[in-house]
Protein backbone atom coordinates (compact mmCIF):
# COMPACT_ATOMS: atom_id res chain seq x y z
CA MET A 1 58.10 128.58 55.86
CA THR A 2 55.48 126.78 57.97
CA ASP A 3 53.14 124.56 55.92
CA LYS A 4 49.47 124.95 56.82
CA TYR A 5 46.91 122.16 57.29
CA ALA A 6 43.42 121.99 58.76
CA VAL A 7 40.51 119.72 59.60
CA ILE A 8 37.13 120.76 58.17
CA GLY A 9 33.81 119.73 59.68
CA ASN A 10 30.55 120.93 61.18
CA PRO A 11 30.58 120.80 64.15
CA ILE A 12 34.34 120.74 64.69
CA ALA A 13 35.02 122.12 68.18
CA HIS A 14 35.37 118.59 69.63
CA SER A 15 38.04 117.49 67.13
CA LYS A 16 41.27 116.03 68.52
CA SER A 17 43.01 116.28 65.14
CA PRO A 18 44.94 119.51 65.87
CA LEU A 19 46.44 117.99 69.03
CA ILE A 20 47.28 114.73 67.27
CA HIS A 21 49.00 116.40 64.30
CA THR A 22 50.82 118.87 66.54
CA LEU A 23 52.24 115.93 68.51
CA PHE A 24 53.19 114.19 65.24
CA ALA A 25 54.95 117.33 64.01
CA GLU A 26 56.90 117.77 67.26
CA GLN A 27 57.95 114.14 67.20
CA THR A 28 59.11 114.15 63.57
CA GLY A 29 60.52 117.68 63.38
CA GLN A 30 58.05 118.81 60.72
CA ASP A 31 57.35 122.54 60.45
CA ILE A 32 53.56 122.64 60.14
CA SER A 33 50.53 124.35 61.63
CA TYR A 34 47.17 122.60 61.95
CA GLU A 35 43.82 124.12 62.89
CA LYS A 36 40.10 123.45 63.08
CA VAL A 37 37.87 125.02 60.43
CA GLU A 38 34.09 124.90 60.72
CA ALA A 39 32.57 125.14 57.26
CA PRO A 40 28.94 126.18 56.74
CA LEU A 41 26.79 123.19 55.85
CA ASP A 42 26.33 124.66 52.37
CA GLY A 43 29.86 126.04 52.10
CA PHE A 44 32.33 123.15 52.08
CA ALA A 45 33.65 123.68 48.53
CA ALA A 46 34.02 127.41 49.12
CA THR A 47 35.93 126.73 52.35
CA VAL A 48 38.35 124.39 50.58
CA GLU A 49 38.91 126.93 47.82
CA ARG A 50 39.60 129.64 50.39
CA LEU A 51 42.16 127.45 52.14
CA ARG A 52 43.82 126.60 48.83
CA ALA A 53 44.05 130.30 47.99
CA GLU A 54 45.64 130.90 51.39
CA GLY A 55 48.32 128.30 50.65
CA TYR A 56 47.13 125.35 52.72
CA LYS A 57 48.81 122.10 51.66
CA GLY A 58 46.12 119.70 52.78
CA CYS A 59 43.02 119.09 54.87
CA ASN A 60 41.35 116.38 56.84
CA VAL A 61 37.60 116.16 56.33
CA THR A 62 35.08 114.93 58.86
CA VAL A 63 31.30 114.75 59.25
CA PRO A 64 29.28 115.70 57.29
CA PHE A 65 31.57 116.54 54.36
CA LYS A 66 33.34 113.27 53.41
CA PHE A 67 31.05 112.54 50.46
CA GLU A 68 31.23 116.13 49.25
CA ALA A 69 35.02 115.97 49.52
CA PHE A 70 34.98 112.93 47.22
CA LYS A 71 33.06 114.88 44.59
CA LEU A 72 35.35 117.88 44.96
CA ALA A 73 38.60 115.92 44.54
CA THR A 74 39.99 115.78 41.00
CA LYS A 75 42.00 112.61 41.67
CA HIS A 76 41.18 109.67 43.98
CA SER A 77 43.04 106.85 45.67
CA GLU A 78 41.69 103.34 45.12
CA ARG A 79 40.31 103.14 48.65
CA ALA A 80 38.57 106.52 48.27
CA GLU A 81 37.10 105.35 44.96
CA LEU A 82 35.45 102.36 46.57
CA ALA A 83 34.18 104.26 49.61
CA GLU A 84 33.11 107.26 47.49
CA ALA A 85 34.16 109.25 50.55
CA VAL A 86 37.30 111.24 51.32
CA ASN A 87 38.79 112.21 54.67
CA THR A 88 42.18 113.48 53.42
CA LEU A 89 42.83 116.10 50.77
CA MET A 90 46.25 116.85 49.23
CA MET A 91 46.19 120.25 47.57
CA GLY A 92 48.89 121.18 45.11
CA GLY A 93 48.73 123.16 41.88
CA LYS A 94 45.46 122.67 40.05
CA THR A 95 44.74 119.19 41.43
CA ILE A 96 43.02 118.11 44.64
CA GLU A 97 43.87 114.51 45.48
CA GLY A 98 41.43 112.69 47.73
CA ASP A 99 42.20 109.68 49.93
CA ASN A 100 40.36 107.74 52.62
CA THR A 101 42.66 106.70 55.47
CA ASP A 102 39.96 105.36 57.81
CA GLY A 103 40.33 101.70 56.85
CA ALA A 104 44.11 101.79 56.95
CA GLY A 105 43.84 103.35 60.41
CA LEU A 106 41.45 100.65 61.62
CA VAL A 107 43.58 97.79 60.32
CA ARG A 108 46.79 99.27 61.72
CA ASP A 109 45.19 99.81 65.13
CA ILE A 110 44.03 96.20 65.29
CA GLU A 111 47.23 94.66 63.96
CA HIS A 112 49.88 97.04 65.32
CA ASN A 113 48.43 98.37 68.58
CA LEU A 114 46.23 95.47 69.64
CA GLY A 115 48.58 92.82 68.21
CA ILE A 116 45.94 90.86 66.29
CA PRO A 117 46.92 89.82 62.75
CA LEU A 118 43.83 89.77 60.52
CA GLN A 119 45.08 87.29 57.91
CA GLY A 120 42.54 84.45 57.78
CA LYS A 121 40.38 85.86 60.56
CA HIS A 122 36.59 85.69 60.32
CA ILE A 123 35.32 89.24 60.71
CA LEU A 124 31.78 90.51 61.12
CA LEU A 125 31.30 94.13 60.05
CA VAL A 126 28.11 95.51 61.58
CA GLY A 127 26.70 98.34 59.46
CA ALA A 128 26.78 99.35 55.81
CA GLY A 129 26.87 103.14 56.00
CA GLY A 130 29.71 105.48 55.19
CA ALA A 131 31.90 104.26 58.05
CA ALA A 132 31.64 100.66 56.85
CA TRP A 133 32.35 101.62 53.23
CA GLY A 134 35.47 103.44 54.39
CA VAL A 135 36.99 100.39 56.10
CA ALA A 136 35.76 97.37 54.12
CA LEU A 137 38.43 97.32 51.41
CA PRO A 138 41.46 97.53 53.74
CA ILE A 139 39.92 94.78 55.91
CA LEU A 140 39.68 92.50 52.89
CA GLU A 141 43.16 93.46 51.73
CA SER A 142 44.47 92.30 55.11
CA GLY A 143 43.51 88.76 54.10
CA ALA A 144 40.49 88.54 56.40
CA LYS A 145 37.22 86.79 55.60
CA LEU A 146 34.43 89.34 55.86
CA ILE A 147 30.72 89.14 56.53
CA VAL A 148 28.63 92.32 56.43
CA VAL A 149 25.33 92.61 58.25
CA ASN A 150 23.01 95.61 58.39
CA ARG A 151 19.48 96.45 59.51
CA THR A 152 18.66 97.45 55.92
CA THR A 153 19.61 94.51 53.73
CA ASP A 154 19.92 96.34 50.41
CA LYS A 155 22.66 98.54 51.87
CA ALA A 156 24.64 95.47 52.88
CA LEU A 157 24.08 94.03 49.40
CA ASN A 158 25.25 97.24 47.75
CA LEU A 159 28.47 97.17 49.76
CA ALA A 160 29.01 93.48 49.06
CA ASN A 161 28.40 93.92 45.34
CA ALA A 162 30.75 96.88 45.13
CA LEU A 163 33.47 94.90 46.89
CA ASN A 164 32.91 91.88 44.68
CA ILE A 165 33.19 93.99 41.54
CA PHE A 166 36.15 95.90 42.89
CA LEU A 167 38.13 92.87 44.04
CA LYS A 168 36.49 90.08 42.02
CA ARG A 169 36.43 88.26 45.31
CA LYS A 170 33.57 86.45 47.00
CA LEU A 171 32.09 88.32 49.96
CA VAL A 172 29.43 86.71 52.14
CA VAL A 173 26.59 88.95 53.26
CA ALA A 174 24.36 88.06 56.19
CA HIS A 175 20.79 88.72 55.09
CA GLU A 176 17.56 86.80 54.82
CA LEU A 177 17.75 86.30 51.06
CA GLU A 178 20.89 84.22 51.50
CA TYR A 179 18.95 81.89 53.77
CA GLY A 180 16.06 81.46 51.39
CA ILE A 181 13.60 84.03 52.74
CA PRO A 182 12.38 85.95 49.68
CA ASP A 183 12.36 89.50 50.96
CA PHE A 184 14.82 92.19 51.93
CA VAL A 185 14.28 92.36 55.68
CA PRO A 186 17.68 92.19 57.37
CA ASN A 187 18.11 89.13 59.53
CA PHE A 188 20.57 89.44 62.38
CA ALA A 189 19.06 86.20 63.67
CA ALA A 190 20.72 84.46 60.70
CA LEU A 191 23.97 84.94 62.62
CA ALA A 192 22.78 82.61 65.37
CA ASN A 193 25.23 79.78 66.04
CA LYS A 194 27.95 81.59 64.05
CA GLN A 195 31.11 82.86 65.72
CA PHE A 196 33.64 85.45 64.64
CA ASP A 197 37.22 86.23 65.56
CA VAL A 198 36.57 89.98 65.22
CA VAL A 199 33.26 91.86 65.44
CA ILE A 200 33.45 95.53 64.35
CA ASN A 201 30.59 97.91 65.09
CA ALA A 202 30.59 100.49 62.28
CA THR A 203 27.14 101.84 63.14
CA SER A 204 26.36 105.01 65.07
CA SER A 205 24.11 103.11 67.48
CA GLY A 206 26.28 104.12 70.45
CA LEU A 207 25.34 107.77 69.97
CA SER A 208 21.75 106.98 70.90
CA GLY A 209 22.60 104.33 73.48
CA GLU A 210 21.27 101.53 71.27
CA MET A 211 22.63 98.07 70.66
CA PRO A 212 22.74 96.34 67.23
CA PRO A 213 20.52 93.22 67.49
CA LEU A 214 23.37 90.73 67.56
CA PRO A 215 22.58 87.24 68.89
CA PRO A 216 24.39 85.84 71.92
CA GLY A 217 27.37 83.55 71.44
CA ILE A 218 28.75 85.48 68.49
CA PHE A 219 32.28 85.90 69.83
CA ALA A 220 34.72 83.07 69.16
CA PRO A 221 37.26 82.17 71.88
CA GLY A 222 39.89 84.94 72.01
CA ALA A 223 37.66 87.29 69.97
CA LEU A 224 38.07 91.04 69.59
CA ALA A 225 35.06 93.37 69.89
CA TYR A 226 35.82 96.73 68.27
CA ASP A 227 33.57 99.79 68.28
CA MET A 228 34.66 102.47 65.80
CA MET A 229 33.16 105.08 68.13
CA TYR A 230 35.46 106.37 70.86
CA GLY A 231 35.11 108.26 74.11
CA ARG A 232 32.17 106.32 75.55
CA ASP A 233 31.34 102.86 76.85
CA THR A 234 28.76 101.90 74.23
CA PRO A 235 26.07 99.23 74.63
CA PHE A 236 27.99 97.17 72.04
CA LEU A 237 31.11 97.16 74.19
CA GLN A 238 29.06 96.31 77.28
CA PHE A 239 27.42 93.45 75.37
CA ALA A 240 30.81 92.19 74.21
CA ARG A 241 32.17 92.05 77.76
CA SER A 242 29.05 90.25 78.99
CA GLN A 243 29.48 87.73 76.16
CA GLY A 244 33.08 86.99 77.05
CA ALA A 245 34.93 88.79 74.25
CA ALA A 246 38.63 88.46 75.09
CA ILE A 247 39.57 91.97 73.93
CA VAL A 248 37.30 95.03 73.87
CA ALA A 249 38.44 98.23 72.14
CA ASP A 250 37.02 101.57 71.10
CA GLY A 251 37.98 103.63 68.04
CA LEU A 252 40.52 106.00 69.60
CA GLY A 253 43.42 104.00 68.17
CA MET A 254 41.77 104.13 64.74
CA LEU A 255 41.48 107.92 65.07
CA VAL A 256 45.19 108.25 65.76
CA GLU A 257 46.24 105.75 63.10
CA GLN A 258 44.12 107.27 60.33
CA ALA A 259 45.66 110.64 61.26
CA ALA A 260 49.13 109.11 61.01
CA GLU A 261 48.28 107.80 57.55
CA SER A 262 47.19 111.30 56.50
CA PHE A 263 50.37 112.78 58.00
CA PHE A 264 52.43 110.26 56.04
CA LYS A 265 50.60 111.13 52.82
CA TRP A 266 51.32 114.83 53.37
CA ARG A 267 54.84 114.75 54.81
CA GLY A 268 56.39 111.43 53.71
CA VAL A 269 57.20 110.61 57.36
CA ARG A 270 55.30 108.06 59.47
CA PRO A 271 55.06 109.12 63.12
CA ASP A 272 55.20 106.77 66.09
CA THR A 273 51.58 106.61 67.21
CA ARG A 274 52.04 104.85 70.55
CA PRO A 275 53.07 107.88 72.66
CA VAL A 276 50.34 109.97 71.05
CA LEU A 277 47.70 107.33 71.75
CA GLU A 278 48.92 106.99 75.35
CA LYS A 279 48.72 110.75 75.85
CA LEU A 280 45.17 110.87 74.51
CA ARG A 281 44.06 107.97 76.70
CA GLN A 282 45.53 109.66 79.77
CA SER A 283 43.60 112.83 79.00
């Protein structure tokens, strides 16, 4: 009997998840179906309950329901707990298990597809919203040294504090208070004369054609510039090329790898992502 899965969002028509999971299923011989489901903005929980009643085994969750999915889940993975956001639901019996595979997807894309081991690398994470919360823990678990910077300093501090408590590990946060200025105005200029092996844009600035106010000279020799957004040449990526970043990448690989992590959680089989990623890039 075919096992049913879906991705829930609003809007959802643009989602590539059905294609990705269909390709995974064909490759691994798994008998599944996977569809898009647009939930009303005030009807996410009801949509999940309907799918459970119809026998669905799991769901992916995208904007704007990841935080609501966290609240709905009755059991959480460690990475979902820290992010307080869920993009993968496992539905069986009376429990709904929530996981967040975004960070695992990001790390695997960088290390496996781009061939850049993160152990010991100095990484700048730009942004402290939901996307950043979803990836920060797996970045640290890779052995990288992380600095978070954000336009609103208290959000960067909240993320840093949560990580410090969670890991009991020191995390440096770029903000004016660290440099002795007694207010909470974020200070991207404090990054002047600092260089990073990897700079990750976790903001949505590319949607509006804006550029985070990063100073010049921020990319170390051989550096990677990574924008978690995909499907467009963002101002951040343009800036990175003009600044001599050695490798420039968008988030399409992360999209495929986080999907593979979800697929593995559901089916116990890890698909080969390379042919799927190549097919998506060609299209």
